[in-house]
């Protein structure tokens, strides 16, 4: 996929990639450079441990996108490579 840098230095990430990666408006990302390439990585969502029914449960401190079949399949495929 191709995109362009606008006059303000912004890059648009195509919607199909944003959807597949769960990137929503306001989501924190890490931008770095490695070997002459720009890497953009979503930051982990902070979690808190709470007790439910006497067991610890991780609860996100922010909104998470829905976990769809497509997201699960894409994640499995990425880890197999």
N, C-alpha and C. Protein backbone atom coordinates (compact mmCIF):
# COMPACT_ATOMS: atom_id res chain seq x y z
N UNK A 1 0.83 -1.17 0.00
CA UNK A 1 0.00 0.00 0.00
C UNK A 1 0.88 1.24 0.00
N UNK A 2 0.39 2.25 -0.64
CA UNK A 2 1.15 3.50 -0.70
C UNK A 2 0.39 4.60 0.02
N UNK A 3 1.17 5.55 0.51
CA UNK A 3 0.63 6.74 1.14
C UNK A 3 1.59 7.86 0.83
N UNK A 4 1.33 9.05 1.34
CA UNK A 4 2.22 10.18 1.10
C UNK A 4 2.34 11.00 2.39
N UNK A 5 3.40 11.78 2.46
CA UNK A 5 3.60 12.68 3.58
C UNK A 5 3.05 14.04 3.17
N UNK A 6 2.15 14.61 4.00
CA UNK A 6 1.59 15.92 3.65
C UNK A 6 2.51 17.05 4.10
N UNK A 7 2.11 18.29 3.85
CA UNK A 7 2.97 19.44 4.15
C UNK A 7 3.24 19.60 5.64
N UNK A 8 2.40 19.02 6.50
CA UNK A 8 2.62 19.08 7.95
C UNK A 8 3.45 17.89 8.45
N UNK A 9 3.89 17.00 7.54
CA UNK A 9 4.70 15.85 7.93
C UNK A 9 3.88 14.65 8.36
N UNK A 10 2.56 14.68 8.13
CA UNK A 10 1.69 13.57 8.54
C UNK A 10 1.62 12.51 7.45
N UNK A 11 1.46 11.27 7.91
CA UNK A 11 1.29 10.13 7.00
C UNK A 11 -0.04 9.48 7.32
N UNK A 12 -0.82 9.18 6.30
CA UNK A 12 -2.08 8.48 6.50
C UNK A 12 -1.83 6.98 6.41
N UNK A 13 -2.22 6.26 7.46
CA UNK A 13 -2.13 4.80 7.44
C UNK A 13 -3.44 4.31 6.83
N UNK A 14 -3.37 3.53 5.74
CA UNK A 14 -4.59 3.08 5.07
C UNK A 14 -5.56 2.38 6.04
N UNK A 15 -6.86 2.61 5.80
CA UNK A 15 -7.91 2.11 6.68
C UNK A 15 -7.84 0.60 6.87
N UNK A 16 -7.53 -0.15 5.82
CA UNK A 16 -7.47 -1.61 5.96
C UNK A 16 -6.41 -2.02 6.97
N UNK A 17 -5.27 -1.33 6.97
CA UNK A 17 -4.22 -1.63 7.95
C UNK A 17 -4.64 -1.20 9.35
N UNK A 18 -5.24 0.00 9.45
CA UNK A 18 -5.69 0.47 10.77
C UNK A 18 -6.70 -0.50 11.36
N UNK A 19 -7.64 -0.95 10.54
CA UNK A 19 -8.66 -1.89 11.03
C UNK A 19 -8.03 -3.21 11.46
N UNK A 20 -7.12 -3.73 10.65
CA UNK A 20 -6.51 -5.02 10.94
C UNK A 20 -5.66 -4.97 12.21
N UNK A 21 -5.03 -3.81 12.46
CA UNK A 21 -4.15 -3.67 13.62
C UNK A 21 -4.85 -3.06 14.83
N UNK A 22 -6.13 -2.73 14.69
CA UNK A 22 -6.86 -2.15 15.81
C UNK A 22 -6.40 -0.74 16.15
N UNK A 23 -5.93 0.00 15.15
CA UNK A 23 -5.49 1.37 15.38
C UNK A 23 -6.66 2.32 15.24
N UNK A 24 -7.00 2.99 16.32
CA UNK A 24 -8.10 3.95 16.31
C UNK A 24 -7.57 5.33 16.64
N UNK A 25 -8.36 6.34 16.33
CA UNK A 25 -7.98 7.72 16.63
C UNK A 25 -7.59 7.84 18.11
N UNK A 26 -6.44 8.46 18.35
CA UNK A 26 -5.97 8.65 19.71
C UNK A 26 -5.12 7.52 20.27
N UNK A 27 -5.00 6.41 19.55
CA UNK A 27 -4.20 5.27 20.02
C UNK A 27 -2.73 5.65 20.05
N UNK A 28 -2.07 5.37 21.15
CA UNK A 28 -0.64 5.69 21.29
C UNK A 28 0.18 4.72 20.44
N UNK A 29 1.18 5.27 19.75
CA UNK A 29 2.07 4.46 18.92
C UNK A 29 3.51 4.87 19.21
N UNK A 30 4.42 3.98 18.90
CA UNK A 30 5.86 4.24 19.01
C UNK A 30 6.39 4.31 17.59
N UNK A 31 7.12 5.38 17.27
CA UNK A 31 7.73 5.54 15.95
C UNK A 31 9.23 5.50 16.13
N UNK A 32 9.89 4.63 15.37
CA UNK A 32 11.33 4.50 15.47
C UNK A 32 11.93 4.28 14.09
N UNK A 33 13.24 4.40 14.03
CA UNK A 33 13.97 4.16 12.78
C UNK A 33 14.94 3.02 13.02
N UNK A 34 14.96 2.09 12.09
CA UNK A 34 15.88 0.97 12.17
C UNK A 34 16.37 0.63 10.77
N UNK A 35 17.66 0.63 10.60
CA UNK A 35 18.28 0.29 9.31
C UNK A 35 17.69 1.09 8.16
N UNK A 36 17.45 2.38 8.39
CA UNK A 36 16.94 3.25 7.34
C UNK A 36 15.46 3.11 7.05
N UNK A 37 14.74 2.39 7.90
CA UNK A 37 13.29 2.21 7.72
C UNK A 37 12.55 2.77 8.92
N UNK A 38 11.36 3.29 8.68
CA UNK A 38 10.52 3.80 9.76
C UNK A 38 9.62 2.67 10.23
N UNK A 39 9.59 2.46 11.55
CA UNK A 39 8.72 1.44 12.14
C UNK A 39 7.67 2.13 13.01
N UNK A 40 6.43 1.75 12.85
CA UNK A 40 5.33 2.27 13.66
C UNK A 40 4.72 1.09 14.39
N UNK A 41 4.69 1.18 15.72
CA UNK A 41 4.20 0.05 16.52
C UNK A 41 3.18 0.55 17.54
N UNK A 42 1.99 -0.09 17.59
CA UNK A 42 1.01 0.29 18.61
C UNK A 42 1.57 -0.03 20.00
N UNK A 43 1.39 0.88 20.94
CA UNK A 43 1.84 0.63 22.30
C UNK A 43 0.84 -0.27 23.01
N UNK A 44 1.33 -1.03 23.94
CA UNK A 44 0.47 -1.91 24.72
C UNK A 44 -0.50 -1.08 25.55
N UNK A 45 -1.68 -1.62 25.77
CA UNK A 45 -2.68 -0.96 26.61
C UNK A 45 -2.34 -1.25 28.06
N UNK A 46 -2.24 -0.21 28.88
CA UNK A 46 -1.99 -0.44 30.31
C UNK A 46 -3.11 -1.28 30.92
N UNK A 47 -2.76 -2.19 31.79
CA UNK A 47 -3.72 -3.07 32.44
C UNK A 47 -3.62 -2.95 33.96
N UNK A 48 -4.72 -3.28 34.60
CA UNK A 48 -4.76 -3.37 36.06
C UNK A 48 -5.24 -4.75 36.43
N UNK A 49 -4.74 -5.28 37.52
CA UNK A 49 -5.24 -6.56 38.02
C UNK A 49 -6.32 -6.29 39.06
N UNK A 50 -7.48 -6.90 38.84
CA UNK A 50 -8.57 -6.81 39.81
C UNK A 50 -8.99 -8.22 40.19
N UNK A 51 -9.60 -8.34 41.32
CA UNK A 51 -10.06 -9.66 41.78
C UNK A 51 -11.51 -9.86 41.40
N UNK A 52 -11.78 -10.93 40.68
CA UNK A 52 -13.14 -11.30 40.32
C UNK A 52 -13.34 -12.76 40.70
N UNK A 53 -14.33 -12.99 41.53
CA UNK A 53 -14.62 -14.36 42.00
C UNK A 53 -13.39 -14.99 42.64
N UNK A 54 -12.59 -14.14 43.33
CA UNK A 54 -11.42 -14.64 44.04
C UNK A 54 -10.22 -14.90 43.16
N UNK A 55 -10.28 -14.48 41.89
CA UNK A 55 -9.16 -14.71 40.98
C UNK A 55 -8.73 -13.40 40.35
N UNK A 56 -7.43 -13.24 40.09
CA UNK A 56 -6.97 -12.00 39.45
C UNK A 56 -7.36 -11.99 37.96
N UNK A 57 -7.83 -10.83 37.52
CA UNK A 57 -8.23 -10.65 36.13
C UNK A 57 -7.59 -9.36 35.63
N UNK A 58 -6.98 -9.39 34.45
CA UNK A 58 -6.40 -8.19 33.85
C UNK A 58 -7.51 -7.39 33.18
N UNK A 59 -7.60 -6.12 33.53
CA UNK A 59 -8.63 -5.23 32.99
C UNK A 59 -7.93 -4.05 32.33
N UNK A 60 -8.27 -3.76 31.06
CA UNK A 60 -7.61 -2.64 30.38
C UNK A 60 -7.98 -1.31 31.02
N UNK A 61 -7.03 -0.38 31.04
CA UNK A 61 -7.29 0.95 31.58
C UNK A 61 -7.82 1.89 30.52
N UNK A 62 -8.03 1.39 29.33
CA UNK A 62 -8.57 2.19 28.23
C UNK A 62 -9.42 1.32 27.33
N UNK A 63 -9.98 1.95 26.31
CA UNK A 63 -10.83 1.22 25.36
C UNK A 63 -9.99 0.32 24.46
N UNK A 64 -10.45 -0.87 24.23
CA UNK A 64 -9.81 -1.79 23.28
C UNK A 64 -10.77 -2.06 22.14
N UNK A 65 -10.24 -2.20 20.90
CA UNK A 65 -11.13 -2.53 19.79
C UNK A 65 -11.65 -3.96 19.95
N UNK A 66 -12.78 -4.27 19.31
CA UNK A 66 -13.30 -5.63 19.42
C UNK A 66 -12.33 -6.64 18.84
N UNK A 67 -12.27 -7.81 19.46
CA UNK A 67 -11.41 -8.89 18.98
C UNK A 67 -12.22 -9.71 17.98
N UNK A 68 -11.94 -9.51 16.70
CA UNK A 68 -12.70 -10.19 15.66
C UNK A 68 -11.94 -11.42 15.16
N UNK A 69 -12.65 -12.28 14.44
CA UNK A 69 -12.01 -13.45 13.83
C UNK A 69 -10.87 -13.02 12.91
N UNK A 70 -11.08 -11.94 12.17
CA UNK A 70 -10.06 -11.46 11.24
C UNK A 70 -8.78 -11.05 11.98
N UNK A 71 -8.94 -10.36 13.11
CA UNK A 71 -7.78 -9.95 13.89
C UNK A 71 -7.03 -11.17 14.42
N UNK A 72 -7.76 -12.16 14.91
CA UNK A 72 -7.14 -13.38 15.43
C UNK A 72 -6.39 -14.11 14.32
N UNK A 73 -7.02 -14.27 13.16
CA UNK A 73 -6.36 -14.96 12.03
C UNK A 73 -5.10 -14.23 11.60
N UNK A 74 -5.18 -12.90 11.48
CA UNK A 74 -4.02 -12.11 11.06
C UNK A 74 -2.89 -12.24 12.07
N UNK A 75 -3.22 -12.25 13.34
CA UNK A 75 -2.20 -12.40 14.39
C UNK A 75 -1.53 -13.77 14.30
N UNK A 76 -2.32 -14.81 14.11
CA UNK A 76 -1.77 -16.16 13.98
C UNK A 76 -0.84 -16.23 12.77
N UNK A 77 -1.26 -15.65 11.65
CA UNK A 77 -0.43 -15.68 10.44
C UNK A 77 0.87 -14.93 10.64
N UNK A 78 0.82 -13.76 11.32
CA UNK A 78 2.05 -13.00 11.57
C UNK A 78 3.02 -13.76 12.46
N UNK A 79 2.51 -14.51 13.43
CA UNK A 79 3.40 -15.25 14.33
C UNK A 79 3.99 -16.49 13.67
N UNK A 80 3.36 -16.98 12.63
CA UNK A 80 3.87 -18.18 11.93
C UNK A 80 5.03 -17.85 10.99
N UNK A 81 5.20 -16.59 10.66
CA UNK A 81 6.24 -16.21 9.69
C UNK A 81 7.59 -16.17 10.29
